[in-house]
Amino acid sequence: MHTEAFATLLQSGRAGDPAALGEIWRTYAPAVTAYLRGKGAEEPEELTSETFLALFRALPEFRGDEAGLKALLFTIARRRLVDEVRRRGRRVATVTWERHLDERTAPSAEETAVGQLGIVEARALLQRLAPDQRDVLMLRIFGDLTIDQIAEILDKRQGAVKQLQRRGLESLRRLLAAQRTTHHDRTEEVTP
């Protein structure tokens, strides 16, 4: 978003203008929901709503640019996720049904057409990373945040965040290579 357009939007949002708040929601909610879903939130849409309610309450006091707003937004989202994980820890453990893991089902043609298999595979690959690497990559990918912003959110040094990003990307490359090799081997077994 252009700096002037963002400043106008932010000023209107601070004043509580419903149209401006709606635009802030439409602009940033998809990335926040994707981040929360990727981090394993049980109710990513609900946490997204809670995140934006907290952001809207904080807007009148917020001073900064768009990058600062995104950093604040993902800091709030991460805190809401931590709260959810703590609540989960106090409840009886349950296993949620995940359609993509259920071998009795197949994706619909529509899901396949819009690339859901790719999203599911990407999530599965991210889940196989070390937690710190996964945190960094998800904030970079879904939050489009800078190394500095991620370091602040995760309370880590910038150098540590860069290392985690580099190692996470290397791990993803290895996982993808292994996955392609396995898929290629299975294809050769089926071919007469």
N, C-alpha and C. Protein backbone atom coordinates (compact mmCIF):
# COMPACT_ATOMS: atom_id res chain seq x y z
N MET A 1 0.84 -1.16 0.00
CA MET A 1 0.00 0.00 0.00
C MET A 1 0.90 1.24 0.00
N HIS A 2 0.53 2.25 -0.75
CA HIS A 2 1.31 3.48 -0.80
C HIS A 2 1.30 4.17 0.55
N THR A 3 2.38 4.85 0.87
CA THR A 3 2.56 5.48 2.17
C THR A 3 1.43 6.46 2.47
N GLU A 4 1.06 7.28 1.50
CA GLU A 4 -0.01 8.27 1.73
C GLU A 4 -1.35 7.58 1.95
N ALA A 5 -1.63 6.56 1.15
CA ALA A 5 -2.90 5.84 1.29
C ALA A 5 -2.96 5.15 2.65
N PHE A 6 -1.82 4.59 3.08
CA PHE A 6 -1.80 3.93 4.39
C PHE A 6 -2.01 4.95 5.50
N ALA A 7 -1.36 6.10 5.40
CA ALA A 7 -1.50 7.14 6.44
C ALA A 7 -2.95 7.58 6.56
N THR A 8 -3.62 7.75 5.43
CA THR A 8 -5.03 8.15 5.44
C THR A 8 -5.90 7.05 6.06
N LEU A 9 -5.63 5.81 5.65
CA LEU A 9 -6.37 4.67 6.20
C LEU A 9 -6.17 4.55 7.70
N LEU A 10 -4.92 4.70 8.14
CA LEU A 10 -4.61 4.60 9.56
C LEU A 10 -5.29 5.71 10.35
N GLN A 11 -5.25 6.92 9.82
CA GLN A 11 -5.89 8.05 10.51
C GLN A 11 -7.38 7.80 10.67
N SER A 12 -8.03 7.32 9.61
CA SER A 12 -9.47 7.02 9.68
C SER A 12 -9.74 5.86 10.64
N GLY A 13 -8.85 4.88 10.63
CA GLY A 13 -9.00 3.75 11.54
C GLY A 13 -8.87 4.16 12.99
N ARG A 14 -7.93 5.05 13.26
CA ARG A 14 -7.76 5.56 14.63
C ARG A 14 -9.02 6.26 15.11
N ALA A 15 -9.71 6.92 14.17
CA ALA A 15 -10.94 7.64 14.53
C ALA A 15 -12.13 6.69 14.65
N GLY A 16 -11.91 5.40 14.35
CA GLY A 16 -12.99 4.42 14.49
C GLY A 16 -13.90 4.33 13.28
N ASP A 17 -13.48 4.85 12.13
CA ASP A 17 -14.28 4.79 10.92
C ASP A 17 -14.48 3.33 10.50
N PRO A 18 -15.74 2.86 10.46
CA PRO A 18 -16.00 1.45 10.12
C PRO A 18 -15.45 1.05 8.75
N ALA A 19 -15.51 1.95 7.78
CA ALA A 19 -15.00 1.61 6.45
C ALA A 19 -13.48 1.38 6.50
N ALA A 20 -12.79 2.23 7.24
CA ALA A 20 -11.33 2.09 7.36
C ALA A 20 -10.98 0.81 8.11
N LEU A 21 -11.69 0.54 9.18
CA LEU A 21 -11.42 -0.69 9.94
C LEU A 21 -11.70 -1.92 9.08
N GLY A 22 -12.75 -1.86 8.28
CA GLY A 22 -13.05 -2.96 7.36
C GLY A 22 -11.96 -3.15 6.33
N GLU A 23 -11.41 -2.04 5.83
CA GLU A 23 -10.33 -2.13 4.85
C GLU A 23 -9.07 -2.71 5.48
N ILE A 24 -8.77 -2.32 6.71
CA ILE A 24 -7.62 -2.90 7.42
C ILE A 24 -7.82 -4.41 7.57
N TRP A 25 -9.02 -4.80 7.94
CA TRP A 25 -9.35 -6.23 8.07
C TRP A 25 -9.14 -6.95 6.74
N ARG A 26 -9.73 -6.42 5.67
CA ARG A 26 -9.63 -7.08 4.36
C ARG A 26 -8.18 -7.17 3.87
N THR A 27 -7.39 -6.17 4.20
CA THR A 27 -6.01 -6.14 3.72
C THR A 27 -5.13 -7.15 4.44
N TYR A 28 -5.29 -7.26 5.76
CA TYR A 28 -4.33 -8.04 6.55
C TYR A 28 -4.87 -9.36 7.12
N ALA A 29 -6.18 -9.53 7.20
CA ALA A 29 -6.74 -10.74 7.82
C ALA A 29 -6.34 -12.03 7.11
N PRO A 30 -6.31 -12.07 5.77
CA PRO A 30 -5.93 -13.35 5.14
C PRO A 30 -4.53 -13.83 5.57
N ALA A 31 -3.58 -12.92 5.66
CA ALA A 31 -2.22 -13.31 6.07
C ALA A 31 -2.19 -13.77 7.52
N VAL A 32 -2.95 -13.09 8.38
CA VAL A 32 -2.99 -13.48 9.79
C VAL A 32 -3.63 -14.85 9.94
N THR A 33 -4.74 -15.07 9.24
CA THR A 33 -5.42 -16.37 9.31
C THR A 33 -4.50 -17.48 8.79
N ALA A 34 -3.82 -17.22 7.69
CA ALA A 34 -2.90 -18.23 7.14
C ALA A 34 -1.78 -18.54 8.13
N TYR A 35 -1.26 -17.51 8.77
CA TYR A 35 -0.20 -17.71 9.77
C TYR A 35 -0.73 -18.57 10.93
N LEU A 36 -1.89 -18.22 11.46
CA LEU A 36 -2.45 -18.96 12.59
C LEU A 36 -2.79 -20.39 12.20
N ARG A 37 -3.34 -20.57 11.01
CA ARG A 37 -3.66 -21.93 10.55
C ARG A 37 -2.38 -22.74 10.40
N GLY A 38 -1.36 -22.12 9.82
CA GLY A 38 -0.09 -22.81 9.64
C GLY A 38 0.58 -23.16 10.95
N LYS A 39 0.33 -22.39 11.99
CA LYS A 39 0.91 -22.65 13.31
C LYS A 39 0.08 -23.67 14.09
N GLY A 40 -1.01 -24.16 13.50
CA GLY A 40 -1.79 -25.21 14.15
C GLY A 40 -2.90 -24.72 15.05
N ALA A 41 -3.34 -23.49 14.87
CA ALA A 41 -4.45 -22.98 15.68
C ALA A 41 -5.70 -23.84 15.43
N GLU A 42 -6.40 -24.15 16.51
CA GLU A 42 -7.63 -24.93 16.36
C GLU A 42 -8.73 -24.11 15.71
N GLU A 43 -8.78 -22.84 16.02
CA GLU A 43 -9.79 -21.94 15.48
C GLU A 43 -9.12 -20.70 14.90
N PRO A 44 -8.45 -20.83 13.74
CA PRO A 44 -7.70 -19.69 13.21
C PRO A 44 -8.57 -18.47 12.91
N GLU A 45 -9.78 -18.68 12.43
CA GLU A 45 -10.65 -17.54 12.13
C GLU A 45 -11.04 -16.80 13.41
N GLU A 46 -11.33 -17.56 14.46
CA GLU A 46 -11.69 -16.94 15.75
C GLU A 46 -10.50 -16.16 16.31
N LEU A 47 -9.31 -16.74 16.24
CA LEU A 47 -8.13 -16.04 16.73
C LEU A 47 -7.83 -14.80 15.88
N THR A 48 -8.11 -14.89 14.59
CA THR A 48 -7.93 -13.72 13.73
C THR A 48 -8.85 -12.60 14.19
N SER A 49 -10.10 -12.94 14.47
CA SER A 49 -11.05 -11.93 14.96
C SER A 49 -10.56 -11.32 16.27
N GLU A 50 -10.11 -12.16 17.20
CA GLU A 50 -9.59 -11.65 18.47
C GLU A 50 -8.39 -10.74 18.25
N THR A 51 -7.54 -11.12 17.32
CA THR A 51 -6.35 -10.34 17.00
C THR A 51 -6.74 -8.95 16.51
N PHE A 52 -7.71 -8.90 15.61
CA PHE A 52 -8.11 -7.61 15.06
C PHE A 52 -8.87 -6.76 16.07
N LEU A 53 -9.63 -7.39 16.94
CA LEU A 53 -10.28 -6.61 18.00
C LEU A 53 -9.23 -5.93 18.87
N ALA A 54 -8.19 -6.67 19.22
CA ALA A 54 -7.11 -6.10 20.03
C ALA A 54 -6.39 -5.00 19.26
N LEU A 55 -6.16 -5.23 17.96
CA LEU A 55 -5.51 -4.21 17.14
C LEU A 55 -6.35 -2.94 17.08
N PHE A 56 -7.65 -3.10 16.86
CA PHE A 56 -8.52 -1.93 16.75
C PHE A 56 -8.56 -1.14 18.06
N ARG A 57 -8.47 -1.85 19.19
CA ARG A 57 -8.41 -1.14 20.49
C ARG A 57 -7.08 -0.39 20.64
N ALA A 58 -6.02 -0.94 20.05
CA ALA A 58 -4.70 -0.33 20.18
C ALA A 58 -4.44 0.77 19.14
N LEU A 59 -5.24 0.82 18.08
CA LEU A 59 -4.98 1.77 16.99
C LEU A 59 -4.88 3.23 17.43
N PRO A 60 -5.74 3.73 18.31
CA PRO A 60 -5.62 5.14 18.68
C PRO A 60 -4.25 5.51 19.26
N GLU A 61 -3.58 4.57 19.89
CA GLU A 61 -2.28 4.84 20.49
C GLU A 61 -1.12 4.48 19.56
N PHE A 62 -1.40 3.78 18.47
CA PHE A 62 -0.34 3.30 17.58
C PHE A 62 0.30 4.46 16.83
N ARG A 63 1.61 4.47 16.79
CA ARG A 63 2.37 5.44 16.00
C ARG A 63 3.38 4.65 15.19
N GLY A 64 3.28 4.71 13.91
CA GLY A 64 4.21 3.98 13.07
C GLY A 64 3.72 3.88 11.65
N ASP A 65 4.48 3.15 10.85
CA ASP A 65 4.15 2.96 9.45
C ASP A 65 3.49 1.60 9.24
N GLU A 66 3.32 1.23 7.98
CA GLU A 66 2.65 -0.03 7.67
C GLU A 66 3.43 -1.22 8.20
N ALA A 67 4.76 -1.17 8.07
CA ALA A 67 5.58 -2.27 8.58
C ALA A 67 5.40 -2.41 10.10
N GLY A 68 5.32 -1.30 10.79
CA GLY A 68 5.11 -1.34 12.23
C GLY A 68 3.74 -1.90 12.59
N LEU A 69 2.74 -1.53 11.79
CA LEU A 69 1.39 -2.06 12.03
C LEU A 69 1.37 -3.57 11.83
N LYS A 70 2.04 -4.07 10.77
CA LYS A 70 2.09 -5.51 10.54
C LYS A 70 2.83 -6.22 11.67
N ALA A 71 3.90 -5.61 12.15
CA ALA A 71 4.63 -6.21 13.27
C ALA A 71 3.75 -6.29 14.51
N LEU A 72 3.02 -5.21 14.79
CA LEU A 72 2.10 -5.21 15.92
C LEU A 72 1.03 -6.28 15.73
N LEU A 73 0.48 -6.35 14.55
CA LEU A 73 -0.58 -7.31 14.25
C LEU A 73 -0.12 -8.75 14.47
N PHE A 74 1.07 -9.10 13.98
CA PHE A 74 1.54 -10.47 14.15
C PHE A 74 2.03 -10.74 15.57
N THR A 75 2.44 -9.72 16.28
CA THR A 75 2.77 -9.89 17.70
C THR A 75 1.50 -10.25 18.46
N ILE A 76 0.42 -9.54 18.19
CA ILE A 76 -0.86 -9.83 18.84
C ILE A 76 -1.32 -11.24 18.46
N ALA A 77 -1.22 -11.58 17.17
CA ALA A 77 -1.66 -12.91 16.71
C ALA A 77 -0.87 -14.01 17.41
N ARG A 78 0.42 -13.81 17.53
CA ARG A 78 1.26 -14.82 18.19
C ARG A 78 0.86 -14.98 19.66
N ARG A 79 0.58 -13.86 20.32
CA ARG A 79 0.16 -13.93 21.73
C ARG A 79 -1.18 -14.63 21.87
N ARG A 80 -2.10 -14.38 20.96
CA ARG A 80 -3.40 -15.06 21.01
C ARG A 80 -3.21 -16.56 20.80
N LEU A 81 -2.28 -16.92 19.92
CA LEU A 81 -2.00 -18.34 19.69
C LEU A 81 -1.40 -18.98 20.93
N VAL A 82 -0.49 -18.29 21.59
CA VAL A 82 0.10 -18.82 22.84
C VAL A 82 -1.00 -19.03 23.88
N ASP A 83 -1.92 -18.07 23.97
CA ASP A 83 -3.04 -18.21 24.91
C ASP A 83 -3.88 -19.44 24.56
N GLU A 84 -4.13 -19.66 23.26
CA GLU A 84 -4.91 -20.82 22.85
C GLU A 84 -4.20 -22.12 23.22
N VAL A 85 -2.90 -22.16 22.98
CA VAL A 85 -2.13 -23.36 23.29
C VAL A 85 -2.17 -23.63 24.80
N ARG A 86 -2.08 -22.60 25.60
CA ARG A 86 -2.18 -22.78 27.06
C ARG A 86 -3.55 -23.32 27.45
N ARG A 87 -4.61 -22.76 26.85
CA ARG A 87 -5.96 -23.26 27.14
C ARG A 87 -6.08 -24.71 26.73
N ARG A 88 -5.52 -25.03 25.58
CA ARG A 88 -5.55 -26.41 25.08
C ARG A 88 -4.86 -27.36 26.06
N GLY A 89 -3.77 -26.89 26.65
CA GLY A 89 -3.00 -27.71 27.58
C GLY A 89 -3.78 -28.04 28.84
N ARG A 90 -4.77 -27.24 29.14
CA ARG A 90 -5.58 -27.49 30.34
C ARG A 90 -6.77 -28.40 30.06
N ARG A 91 -7.02 -28.68 28.80
CA ARG A 91 -8.15 -29.53 28.45
C ARG A 91 -7.70 -30.96 28.19
N VAL A 92 -8.66 -31.84 28.16
CA VAL A 92 -8.39 -33.23 27.81
C VAL A 92 -7.95 -33.27 26.36
N ALA A 93 -6.91 -34.00 26.09
CA ALA A 93 -6.39 -34.09 24.73
C ALA A 93 -7.39 -34.79 23.83
N THR A 94 -7.64 -34.20 22.68
CA THR A 94 -8.50 -34.81 21.68
C THR A 94 -7.75 -34.78 20.35
N VAL A 95 -8.16 -35.63 19.47
CA VAL A 95 -7.58 -35.65 18.15
C VAL A 95 -8.61 -35.09 17.19
N THR A 96 -8.23 -34.07 16.46
CA THR A 96 -9.17 -33.49 15.50
C THR A 96 -9.04 -34.22 14.18
N TRP A 97 -10.16 -34.36 13.53
CA TRP A 97 -10.18 -35.01 12.24
C TRP A 97 -9.65 -34.03 11.21
N GLU A 98 -8.68 -34.47 10.44
CA GLU A 98 -8.14 -33.66 9.36
C GLU A 98 -8.35 -34.40 8.07
N ARG A 99 -9.18 -33.83 7.25
CA ARG A 99 -9.60 -34.51 6.04
C ARG A 99 -8.42 -34.93 5.17
N HIS A 100 -7.40 -34.09 5.08
CA HIS A 100 -6.27 -34.43 4.21
C HIS A 100 -5.47 -35.63 4.73
N LEU A 101 -5.67 -36.00 6.00
CA LEU A 101 -4.98 -37.16 6.56
C LEU A 101 -5.84 -38.42 6.54
N ASP A 102 -7.11 -38.26 6.25
CA ASP A 102 -8.04 -39.38 6.23
C ASP A 102 -7.92 -40.09 4.88
N GLU A 103 -7.43 -41.31 4.90
CA GLU A 103 -7.21 -42.06 3.67
C GLU A 103 -8.51 -42.50 3.00
N ARG A 104 -9.63 -42.38 3.70
CA ARG A 104 -10.91 -42.80 3.12
C ARG A 104 -11.49 -41.74 2.20
N THR A 105 -10.91 -40.55 2.16
CA THR A 105 -11.46 -39.49 1.33
C THR A 105 -10.45 -39.07 0.28
N ALA A 106 -10.96 -38.42 -0.73
CA ALA A 106 -10.12 -37.85 -1.78
C ALA A 106 -10.56 -36.40 -1.96
N PRO A 107 -9.66 -35.54 -2.34
CA PRO A 107 -10.05 -34.15 -2.53
C PRO A 107 -11.02 -34.02 -3.70
N SER A 108 -11.90 -33.03 -3.60
CA SER A 108 -12.83 -32.79 -4.69
C SER A 108 -12.08 -32.19 -5.87
N ALA A 109 -12.72 -32.22 -7.02
CA ALA A 109 -12.09 -31.64 -8.21
C ALA A 109 -11.85 -30.15 -8.00
N GLU A 110 -12.76 -29.49 -7.31
CA GLU A 110 -12.61 -28.05 -7.06
C GLU A 110 -11.39 -27.78 -6.19
N GLU A 111 -11.23 -28.57 -5.12
CA GLU A 111 -10.07 -28.39 -4.25
C GLU A 111 -8.78 -28.60 -5.02
N THR A 112 -8.76 -29.63 -5.83
CA THR A 112 -7.57 -29.90 -6.61
C THR A 112 -7.30 -28.75 -7.56
N ALA A 113 -8.36 -28.24 -8.18
CA ALA A 113 -8.22 -27.16 -9.15
C ALA A 113 -7.65 -25.90 -8.51
N VAL A 114 -8.03 -25.59 -7.30
CA VAL A 114 -7.54 -24.36 -6.66
C VAL A 114 -6.27 -24.59 -5.89
N GLY A 115 -5.70 -25.77 -5.99
CA GLY A 115 -4.38 -26.00 -5.41
C GLY A 115 -4.36 -26.37 -3.95
N GLN A 116 -5.43 -26.90 -3.41
CA GLN A 116 -5.45 -27.26 -2.01
C GLN A 116 -4.40 -28.31 -1.67
N LEU A 117 -4.13 -29.22 -2.61
CA LEU A 117 -3.12 -30.24 -2.33
C LEU A 117 -1.77 -29.59 -2.07
N GLY A 118 -1.45 -28.56 -2.83
CA GLY A 118 -0.19 -27.86 -2.63
C GLY A 118 -0.14 -27.19 -1.27
N ILE A 119 -1.24 -26.61 -0.83
CA ILE A 119 -1.29 -25.96 0.47
C ILE A 119 -1.13 -26.99 1.58
N VAL A 120 -1.83 -28.11 1.45
CA VAL A 120 -1.74 -29.17 2.46
C VAL A 120 -0.31 -29.70 2.54
N GLU A 121 0.30 -29.93 1.39
CA GLU A 121 1.68 -30.43 1.37
C GLU A 121 2.64 -29.40 1.97
N ALA A 122 2.42 -28.13 1.65
CA ALA A 122 3.28 -27.08 2.21
C ALA A 122 3.15 -27.03 3.73
N ARG A 123 1.93 -27.12 4.22
CA ARG A 123 1.73 -27.13 5.68
C ARG A 123 2.41 -28.34 6.30
N ALA A 124 2.26 -29.49 5.65
CA ALA A 124 2.88 -30.71 6.19
C ALA A 124 4.40 -30.57 6.22
N LEU A 125 4.98 -29.98 5.18
CA LEU A 125 6.43 -29.77 5.16
C LEU A 125 6.85 -28.80 6.25
N LEU A 126 6.11 -27.71 6.42
CA LEU A 126 6.45 -26.74 7.47
C LEU A 126 6.37 -27.37 8.85
N GLN A 127 5.41 -28.26 9.04
CA GLN A 127 5.26 -28.91 10.35
C GLN A 127 6.44 -29.81 10.67
N ARG A 128 7.18 -30.23 9.66
CA ARG A 128 8.32 -31.11 9.88
C ARG A 128 9.59 -30.34 10.25
N LEU A 129 9.55 -29.02 10.17
CA LEU A 129 10.71 -28.21 10.54
C LEU A 129 10.80 -28.08 12.06
N ALA A 130 11.98 -27.71 12.51
CA ALA A 130 12.16 -27.40 13.93
C ALA A 130 11.25 -26.21 14.26
N PRO A 131 10.68 -26.17 15.47
CA PRO A 131 9.73 -25.10 15.81
C PRO A 131 10.25 -23.69 15.57
N ASP A 132 11.50 -23.40 15.92
CA ASP A 132 12.04 -22.06 15.71
C ASP A 132 12.14 -21.72 14.22
N GLN A 133 12.56 -22.70 13.42
CA GLN A 133 12.65 -22.49 11.98
C GLN A 133 11.26 -22.25 11.40
N ARG A 134 10.29 -23.05 11.85
CA ARG A 134 8.92 -22.91 11.37
C ARG A 134 8.37 -21.54 11.73
N ASP A 135 8.61 -21.06 12.96
CA ASP A 135 8.13 -19.74 13.38
C ASP A 135 8.67 -18.66 12.45
N VAL A 136 9.96 -18.69 12.20
CA VAL A 136 10.58 -17.66 11.37
C VAL A 136 10.03 -17.69 9.95
N LEU A 137 9.98 -18.88 9.34
CA LEU A 137 9.51 -18.97 7.96
C LEU A 137 8.04 -18.59 7.84
N MET A 138 7.24 -18.96 8.80
CA MET A 138 5.82 -18.62 8.71
C MET A 138 5.61 -17.11 8.85
N LEU A 139 6.37 -16.46 9.72
CA LEU A 139 6.24 -15.01 9.84
C LEU A 139 6.76 -14.32 8.58
N ARG A 140 7.80 -14.88 7.94
CA ARG A 140 8.31 -14.31 6.69
C ARG A 140 7.31 -14.53 5.56
N ILE A 141 6.76 -15.75 5.47
CA ILE A 141 5.88 -16.09 4.35
C ILE A 141 4.50 -15.48 4.53
N PHE A 142 3.85 -15.78 5.64
CA PHE A 142 2.48 -15.33 5.83
C PHE A 142 2.39 -13.89 6.30
N GLY A 143 3.36 -13.48 7.11
CA GLY A 143 3.32 -12.13 7.63
C GLY A 143 4.04 -11.12 6.78
N ASP A 144 4.89 -11.61 5.85
CA ASP A 144 5.69 -10.73 5.02
C ASP A 144 6.45 -9.73 5.88
N LEU A 145 6.99 -10.24 7.00
CA LEU A 145 7.69 -9.39 7.94
C LEU A 145 9.19 -9.41 7.67
N THR A 146 9.87 -8.37 8.11
CA THR A 146 11.32 -8.28 7.95
C THR A 146 12.01 -9.08 9.04
N ILE A 147 13.30 -9.29 8.85
CA ILE A 147 14.12 -9.99 9.86
C ILE A 147 14.05 -9.23 11.18
N ASP A 148 14.15 -7.90 11.12
CA ASP A 148 14.10 -7.09 12.34
C ASP A 148 12.78 -7.27 13.08
N GLN A 149 11.69 -7.26 12.34
CA GLN A 149 10.37 -7.41 12.96
C GLN A 149 10.21 -8.79 13.58
N ILE A 150 10.68 -9.81 12.88
CA ILE A 150 10.58 -11.17 13.40
C ILE A 150 11.43 -11.31 14.65
N ALA A 151 12.62 -10.73 14.62
CA ALA A 151 13.50 -10.79 15.80
C ALA A 151 12.80 -10.17 17.01
N GLU A 152 12.12 -9.06 16.79
CA GLU A 152 11.40 -8.41 17.89
C GLU A 152 10.25 -9.28 18.40
N ILE A 153 9.48 -9.82 17.48
CA ILE A 153 8.32 -10.65 17.85
C ILE A 153 8.75 -11.89 18.62
N LEU A 154 9.82 -12.54 18.13
CA LEU A 154 10.27 -13.79 18.74
C LEU A 154 11.28 -13.57 19.87
N ASP A 155 11.63 -12.32 20.10
CA ASP A 155 12.61 -11.97 21.13
C ASP A 155 13.93 -12.70 20.91
N LYS A 156 14.42 -12.58 19.67
CA LYS A 156 15.69 -13.20 19.28
C LYS A 156 16.56 -12.15 18.60
N ARG A 157 17.86 -12.42 18.54
CA ARG A 157 18.77 -11.53 17.81
C ARG A 157 18.52 -11.67 16.31
N GLN A 158 18.82 -10.61 15.57
CA GLN A 158 18.63 -10.64 14.12
C GLN A 158 19.46 -11.74 13.47
N GLY A 159 20.69 -11.90 13.93
CA GLY A 159 21.55 -12.95 13.38
C GLY A 159 20.96 -14.33 13.59
N ALA A 160 20.36 -14.54 14.76
CA ALA A 160 19.73 -15.83 15.04
C ALA A 160 18.55 -16.07 14.11
N VAL A 161 17.78 -15.02 13.85
CA VAL A 161 16.63 -15.15 12.95
C VAL A 161 17.11 -15.47 11.53
N LYS A 162 18.18 -14.81 11.09
CA LYS A 162 18.72 -15.09 9.75
C LYS A 162 19.18 -16.55 9.65
N GLN A 163 19.85 -17.02 10.69
CA GLN A 163 20.32 -18.42 10.70
C GLN A 163 19.13 -19.38 10.66
N LEU A 164 18.11 -19.09 11.47
CA LEU A 164 16.93 -19.97 11.49
C LEU A 164 16.25 -19.98 10.13
N GLN A 165 16.18 -18.82 9.49
CA GLN A 165 15.58 -18.76 8.16
C GLN A 165 16.40 -19.58 7.17
N ARG A 166 17.71 -19.40 7.17
CA ARG A 166 18.59 -20.13 6.25
C ARG A 166 18.47 -21.64 6.47
N ARG A 167 18.54 -22.06 7.73
CA ARG A 167 18.44 -23.50 8.04
C ARG A 167 17.06 -24.05 7.68
N GLY A 168 16.02 -23.26 7.95
CA GLY A 168 14.66 -23.69 7.60
C GLY A 168 14.50 -23.88 6.11
N LEU A 169 15.03 -22.95 5.32
CA LEU A 169 14.94 -23.08 3.86
C LEU A 169 15.75 -24.27 3.37
N GLU A 170 16.91 -24.49 3.95
CA GLU A 170 17.71 -25.67 3.58
C GLU A 170 16.96 -26.95 3.91
N SER A 171 16.34 -26.99 5.08
CA SER A 171 15.56 -28.18 5.46
C SER A 171 14.41 -28.40 4.50
N LEU A 172 13.73 -27.33 4.12
CA LEU A 172 12.62 -27.46 3.16
C LEU A 172 13.11 -27.99 1.82
N ARG A 173 14.26 -27.50 1.37
CA ARG A 173 14.82 -28.00 0.10
C ARG A 173 15.08 -29.50 0.19
N ARG A 174 15.68 -29.94 1.29
CA ARG A 174 15.96 -31.38 1.46
C ARG A 174 14.67 -32.18 1.51
N LEU A 175 13.67 -31.68 2.24
CA LEU A 175 12.40 -32.39 2.34
C LEU A 175 11.72 -32.48 0.98
N LEU A 176 11.75 -31.40 0.21
CA LEU A 176 11.15 -31.41 -1.12
C LEU A 176 11.89 -32.38 -2.05
N ALA A 177 13.21 -32.38 -1.98
CA ALA A 177 14.00 -33.30 -2.81
C ALA A 177 13.67 -34.75 -2.46
N ALA A 178 13.58 -35.05 -1.17
CA ALA A 178 13.24 -36.41 -0.74
C ALA A 178 11.84 -36.78 -1.18
N GLN A 179 10.93 -35.82 -1.09
CA GLN A 179 9.55 -36.07 -1.49
C GLN A 179 9.46 -36.34 -3.00
N ARG A 180 10.20 -35.57 -3.80
CA ARG A 180 10.20 -35.78 -5.26
C ARG A 180 10.79 -37.14 -5.60
N THR A 181 11.86 -37.52 -4.91
CA THR A 181 12.50 -38.81 -5.16
C THR A 181 11.53 -39.93 -4.84
N THR A 182 10.85 -39.84 -3.71
CA THR A 182 9.87 -40.86 -3.32
C THR A 182 8.74 -40.94 -4.33
N HIS A 183 8.24 -39.77 -4.76
CA HIS A 183 7.16 -39.73 -5.74
C HIS A 183 7.63 -40.33 -7.07
N HIS A 184 8.85 -40.01 -7.49
CA HIS A 184 9.41 -40.53 -8.74
C HIS A 184 9.57 -42.05 -8.66
N ASP A 185 10.06 -42.55 -7.51
CA ASP A 185 10.22 -43.99 -7.34
C ASP A 185 8.88 -44.70 -7.41
N ARG A 186 7.84 -44.13 -6.80
CA ARG A 186 6.52 -44.74 -6.84
C ARG A 186 5.97 -44.75 -8.26
N THR A 187 6.22 -43.68 -9.01
CA THR A 187 5.76 -43.60 -10.39
C THR A 187 6.42 -44.67 -11.25
N GLU A 188 7.72 -44.91 -11.04
CA GLU A 188 8.43 -45.94 -11.80
C GLU A 188 7.90 -47.32 -11.48
N GLU A 189 7.52 -47.56 -10.22
CA GLU A 189 6.99 -48.87 -9.84
C GLU A 189 5.67 -49.16 -10.54
N VAL A 190 4.86 -48.13 -10.76
CA VAL A 190 3.54 -48.31 -11.37
C VAL A 190 3.65 -48.43 -12.88
N THR A 191 4.63 -47.76 -13.50
CA THR A 191 4.76 -47.78 -14.94
C THR A 191 5.22 -49.16 -15.41
N PRO A 192 4.48 -49.77 -16.40
CA PRO A 192 4.85 -51.11 -16.88
C PRO A 192 6.08 -51.08 -17.76
